Amino acid sequence: MRYSLNSVLVNKMIVDTHCHLNDEELYPIREELIKDAINNGVKKIVVVGYDVKSSKKAIDICKEYPNICYALVGIHPSNISDNVDIDLKEIEELLKEKCVIGIGEIGLDYHYEPFDSIVQKDIFIKQIKLADKYNLPIIIHTRDAMGDTIDILKDNSKYIRNNGIMHCYSGSSEIAKECIKLGFYISYGGPLTFTNNKVSKEVIKTIPKEYLLFETDAPYLSPHPLRGTTNKPSNIRYVINEASKLLNIDCNELIDIEYENFMRLFKL
């Protein structure tokens, strides 16, 4: 029996593998959002950094909610500052915090001009190597840059010994296969539920279940039918419900599969 979006799954272990409770919009109401998530069966929330300040906030949230929230720290390609070398040293210091379970989100973003692809690639590679140094997985952001992203991951595969996640995946099944060969899990978010997103609805059917993860990317990318509203971790249930329908798997079984994948990837 598929679970209702309104039911409270107190005995399940739903994971939101990527959200931004450290965002300026969500941070002031984080307590309310975390309680709402828990009441809707979400027991693990990964708070993702995108620069030094947000990474520190992610850690602060995890210290407030141990064993519920976990932190990722890193520099997003669109948040590279003029002091990036200093920022990278600060990120490395943050990796020593126990609640930090990976580096992210990192990668390439060629969507908004102007951008410097050479600088983005350099910082991306440096963070890949940093993750390897500390035996941590990496969480990849790629937008309008999939070709260069895959090339960098292949060229630096010897530094990707701890796997990673393709965050909010929207690519083809062929590229997904390449990512999985490199050790990456494929994560789907709100766009999977969009009625016009026919590509992702087909591609997810080709992903081995042991490599599937789900996320909200809150406060962004609210799922259908909530598009246009502020996203929150409890909305992960809409994504899982849609995946359940597409994969013809009972929601409770899919929740268990994702939880096992999450725990395996992050060695928790």
Protein backbone atom coordinates (compact mmCIF):
# COMPACT_ATOMS: atom_id res chain seq x y z
CA MET A 1 0.00 0.00 0.00
CA ARG A 2 1.44 3.39 -0.97
CA TYR A 3 1.66 5.87 1.85
CA SER A 4 -0.47 9.00 1.96
CA LEU A 5 1.21 12.39 1.72
CA ASN A 6 -0.70 13.36 4.84
CA SER A 7 0.29 10.38 6.96
CA VAL A 8 2.84 10.68 9.75
CA LEU A 9 5.48 8.00 9.40
CA VAL A 10 6.88 8.07 12.89
CA ASN A 11 8.58 4.70 12.46
CA LYS A 12 10.23 5.39 9.12
CA MET A 13 13.66 6.90 8.46
CA ILE A 14 13.18 9.34 5.61
CA VAL A 15 16.28 11.27 4.59
CA ASP A 16 16.50 14.66 2.92
CA THR A 17 20.01 14.36 1.51
CA HIS A 18 20.33 18.00 0.44
CA CYS A 19 18.76 21.18 1.80
CA HIS A 20 19.77 24.68 2.87
CA LEU A 21 18.42 25.34 6.33
CA ASN A 22 21.45 27.64 6.50
CA ASP A 23 19.87 29.87 3.85
CA GLU A 24 18.97 33.36 5.05
CA GLU A 25 15.28 32.67 4.45
CA LEU A 26 15.15 29.38 6.37
CA TYR A 27 17.73 29.85 9.10
CA PRO A 28 15.52 32.03 11.36
CA ILE A 29 12.75 29.40 11.28
CA ARG A 30 14.95 26.29 11.32
CA GLU A 31 13.47 24.97 14.58
CA GLU A 32 9.95 25.08 13.15
CA LEU A 33 11.07 23.43 9.90
CA ILE A 34 12.99 20.65 11.62
CA LYS A 35 10.03 19.85 13.89
CA ASP A 36 7.74 19.82 10.85
CA ALA A 37 10.12 17.47 9.06
CA ILE A 38 10.32 15.08 12.02
CA ASN A 39 6.52 15.06 12.31
CA ASN A 40 6.40 13.96 8.68
CA GLY A 41 8.81 11.08 9.13
CA VAL A 42 12.03 12.84 8.13
CA LYS A 43 14.67 11.66 10.57
CA LYS A 44 17.88 12.73 8.80
CA ILE A 45 18.55 16.12 7.17
CA VAL A 46 21.75 17.05 5.35
CA VAL A 47 22.44 20.79 5.52
CA VAL A 48 24.65 21.85 2.64
CA GLY A 49 27.13 24.71 2.56
CA TYR A 50 27.94 26.82 -0.49
CA ASP A 51 30.57 29.19 0.96
CA VAL A 52 32.44 29.60 4.25
CA LYS A 53 29.65 31.47 6.04
CA SER A 54 26.91 29.02 5.07
CA SER A 55 29.18 26.07 5.86
CA LYS A 56 29.71 27.39 9.37
CA LYS A 57 25.94 27.83 9.75
CA ALA A 58 25.41 24.25 8.59
CA ILE A 59 27.72 23.06 11.35
CA ASP A 60 25.96 25.25 13.93
CA ILE A 61 22.60 23.70 12.97
CA CYS A 62 24.03 20.20 13.27
CA LYS A 63 25.34 20.95 16.74
CA GLU A 64 21.84 22.14 17.70
CA TYR A 65 20.27 18.94 16.31
CA PRO A 66 22.82 16.12 16.64
CA ASN A 67 22.02 12.82 14.93
CA ILE A 68 19.24 14.54 12.98
CA CYS A 69 21.16 17.14 10.98
CA TYR A 70 24.49 16.57 9.25
CA ALA A 71 26.69 19.11 7.51
CA LEU A 72 28.38 19.40 4.16
CA VAL A 73 30.91 22.19 3.69
CA GLY A 74 32.29 23.62 0.49
CA ILE A 75 32.41 26.41 -2.05
CA HIS A 76 29.74 26.49 -4.76
CA PRO A 77 31.04 27.51 -8.21
CA SER A 78 28.86 30.63 -8.14
CA ASN A 79 30.19 31.66 -4.72
CA ILE A 80 33.90 31.81 -5.46
CA SER A 81 35.30 34.95 -3.83
CA ASP A 82 38.44 36.94 -4.54
CA ASN A 83 39.87 35.38 -1.37
CA VAL A 84 39.16 31.82 -2.41
CA ASP A 85 42.52 30.44 -1.27
CA ILE A 86 41.82 31.70 2.25
CA ASP A 87 38.29 30.34 1.99
CA LEU A 88 39.61 26.89 1.07
CA LYS A 89 41.83 26.89 4.15
CA GLU A 90 38.80 27.73 6.30
CA ILE A 91 36.80 24.95 4.65
CA GLU A 92 39.60 22.52 5.47
CA GLU A 93 39.48 23.57 9.12
CA LEU A 94 35.72 22.96 9.15
CA LEU A 95 36.28 19.40 7.93
CA LYS A 96 37.59 18.59 11.39
CA GLU A 97 34.11 18.99 12.89
CA LYS A 98 32.54 15.61 13.67
CA CYS A 99 29.17 16.45 12.13
CA VAL A 100 30.72 17.18 8.71
CA ILE A 101 30.13 14.14 6.51
CA GLY A 102 31.20 15.40 3.08
CA ILE A 103 32.30 18.27 0.84
CA GLY A 104 29.67 20.10 -1.13
CA GLU A 105 28.17 21.50 -2.91
CA ILE A 106 30.97 21.84 -5.43
CA GLY A 107 31.17 21.70 -9.18
CA LEU A 108 30.58 23.91 -12.22
CA ASP A 109 27.87 26.41 -13.11
CA TYR A 110 27.87 28.08 -16.52
CA HIS A 111 24.27 29.32 -16.35
CA TYR A 112 24.71 32.96 -15.37
CA GLU A 113 27.20 35.19 -17.13
CA PRO A 114 29.78 36.36 -16.52
CA PHE A 115 31.55 33.28 -15.21
CA ASP A 116 35.16 32.13 -15.27
CA SER A 117 35.24 28.47 -16.23
CA ILE A 118 38.99 28.23 -15.65
CA VAL A 119 38.68 29.43 -12.04
CA GLN A 120 35.63 27.23 -11.45
CA LYS A 121 37.48 24.16 -12.70
CA ASP A 122 40.50 24.93 -10.54
CA ILE A 123 38.45 25.31 -7.34
CA PHE A 124 36.40 22.24 -8.21
CA ILE A 125 39.52 20.09 -8.58
CA LYS A 126 41.08 21.47 -5.40
CA GLN A 127 37.97 20.50 -3.42
CA ILE A 128 37.90 17.03 -4.99
CA LYS A 129 41.46 16.52 -3.75
CA LEU A 130 40.57 17.97 -0.36
CA ALA A 131 37.75 15.46 0.01
CA ASP A 132 40.15 12.65 -0.82
CA LYS A 133 42.61 13.91 1.78
CA TYR A 134 39.93 13.62 4.47
CA ASN A 135 38.27 10.46 3.10
CA LEU A 136 34.95 12.18 2.42
CA PRO A 137 32.40 11.93 -0.41
CA ILE A 138 31.72 14.91 -2.68
CA ILE A 139 28.38 16.41 -3.66
CA ILE A 140 28.31 17.71 -7.22
CA HIS A 141 26.46 20.75 -8.53
CA THR A 142 26.49 21.03 -12.32
CA ARG A 143 24.43 23.45 -14.38
CA ASP A 144 24.87 23.91 -18.11
CA ALA A 145 28.29 22.30 -17.64
CA MET A 146 27.75 18.54 -17.67
CA GLY A 147 30.43 17.82 -20.28
CA ASP A 148 33.19 19.63 -18.39
CA THR A 149 31.96 18.19 -15.09
CA ILE A 150 32.20 14.61 -16.33
CA ASP A 151 35.61 15.25 -17.88
CA ILE A 152 36.95 16.60 -14.58
CA LEU A 153 35.51 13.68 -12.62
CA LYS A 154 37.07 11.18 -15.04
CA ASP A 155 40.43 12.97 -15.07
CA ASN A 156 40.48 13.06 -11.27
CA SER A 157 38.91 9.66 -10.61
CA LYS A 158 41.91 8.57 -8.53
CA TYR A 159 40.88 11.21 -5.98
CA ILE A 160 37.26 10.02 -5.85
CA ARG A 161 37.75 6.98 -3.63
CA ASN A 162 34.93 7.89 -1.26
CA ASN A 163 32.15 8.23 -3.82
CA GLY A 164 29.69 11.11 -4.00
CA ILE A 165 26.32 12.40 -5.16
CA MET A 166 25.13 13.97 -8.38
CA HIS A 167 22.92 16.58 -6.76
CA CYS A 168 19.46 17.26 -8.23
CA TYR A 169 20.21 15.11 -11.26
CA SER A 170 18.56 16.11 -14.53
CA GLY A 171 20.76 14.38 -17.09
CA SER A 172 20.39 11.38 -19.34
CA SER A 173 20.54 7.70 -18.43
CA GLU A 174 23.81 7.41 -20.40
CA ILE A 175 25.52 10.11 -18.34
CA ALA A 176 24.04 8.61 -15.15
CA LYS A 177 25.73 5.32 -16.03
CA GLU A 178 29.05 7.14 -16.39
CA CYS A 179 28.54 8.80 -13.01
CA ILE A 180 27.71 5.51 -11.33
CA LYS A 181 30.86 3.95 -12.80
CA LEU A 182 32.80 6.75 -11.15
CA GLY A 183 31.15 5.95 -7.80
CA PHE A 184 28.36 8.51 -7.69
CA TYR A 185 24.84 8.14 -6.37
CA ILE A 186 22.04 9.83 -8.31
CA SER A 187 19.82 12.19 -6.33
CA TYR A 188 16.41 13.44 -7.43
CA GLY A 189 14.54 16.44 -6.05
CA GLY A 190 11.41 18.48 -6.69
CA PRO A 191 11.84 18.66 -10.49
CA LEU A 192 11.10 14.92 -10.66
CA THR A 193 7.49 15.78 -9.74
CA PHE A 194 7.06 18.48 -12.38
CA THR A 195 4.39 17.38 -14.85
CA ASN A 196 6.45 18.50 -17.85
CA ASN A 197 9.67 16.77 -16.75
CA LYS A 198 9.32 13.70 -18.94
CA VAL A 199 13.08 13.08 -19.20
CA SER A 200 13.72 12.58 -15.47
CA LYS A 201 10.57 10.49 -15.12
CA GLU A 202 12.03 8.05 -17.64
CA VAL A 203 15.68 8.23 -16.61
CA ILE A 204 14.99 7.37 -12.96
CA LYS A 205 13.65 4.02 -14.11
CA THR A 206 17.12 3.16 -15.42
CA ILE A 207 19.00 3.96 -12.20
CA PRO A 208 19.94 0.94 -10.06
CA LYS A 209 18.02 1.28 -6.82
CA GLU A 210 21.18 0.94 -4.74
CA TYR A 211 22.35 4.27 -6.21
CA LEU A 212 19.19 6.32 -5.65
CA LEU A 213 18.85 9.21 -3.23
CA PHE A 214 16.26 11.97 -2.75
CA GLU A 215 16.44 15.61 -1.72
CA THR A 216 14.50 18.86 -1.48
CA ASP A 217 17.21 21.49 -2.10
CA ALA A 218 15.03 23.67 0.15
CA PRO A 219 14.25 26.54 -0.05
CA TYR A 220 14.49 25.98 -3.81
CA LEU A 221 12.71 23.70 -6.31
CA SER A 222 9.47 23.05 -4.46
CA PRO A 223 7.74 19.94 -5.80
CA HIS A 224 4.44 19.82 -7.65
CA PRO A 225 1.81 20.88 -6.55
CA LEU A 226 3.71 23.40 -4.39
CA ARG A 227 5.74 25.09 -7.14
CA GLY A 228 6.20 28.78 -6.45
CA THR A 229 6.26 28.34 -2.67
CA THR A 230 9.24 28.13 -0.33
CA ASN A 231 10.47 24.55 -0.20
CA LYS A 232 11.14 22.76 3.10
CA PRO A 233 12.56 19.38 4.19
CA SER A 234 9.16 17.82 4.94
CA ASN A 235 8.32 18.17 1.23
CA ILE A 236 10.71 15.31 0.51
CA ARG A 237 7.65 13.06 0.80
CA TYR A 238 6.29 14.45 -2.49
CA VAL A 239 9.50 13.47 -4.27
CA ILE A 240 9.55 9.98 -2.78
CA ASN A 241 5.88 9.49 -3.56
CA GLU A 242 6.47 10.39 -7.22
CA ALA A 243 9.50 8.09 -7.42
CA SER A 244 7.44 5.32 -5.87
CA LYS A 245 4.84 5.64 -8.61
CA LEU A 246 7.42 5.80 -11.40
CA LEU A 247 9.36 2.80 -10.11
CA ASN A 248 6.27 0.86 -9.05
CA ILE A 249 7.75 0.33 -5.60
CA ASP A 250 5.90 0.67 -2.31
CA CYS A 251 6.86 3.97 -0.67
CA ASN A 252 7.91 2.33 2.57
CA GLU A 253 10.26 0.02 0.68
CA LEU A 254 11.73 2.95 -1.25
CA ILE A 255 12.25 4.89 1.98
CA ASP A 256 14.19 1.93 3.38
CA ILE A 257 16.27 1.64 0.22
CA GLU A 258 17.22 5.32 0.32
CA TYR A 259 18.08 5.16 4.01
CA GLU A 260 20.41 2.21 3.44
CA ASN A 261 22.03 4.01 0.50
CA PHE A 262 22.51 7.16 2.56
CA MET A 263 24.06 5.31 5.50
CA ARG A 264 26.35 3.32 3.21
CA LEU A 265 27.58 6.33 1.27
CA PHE A 266 28.36 8.44 4.32
CA LYS A 267 29.60 5.51 6.43
CA LEU A 268 27.24 6.34 9.29
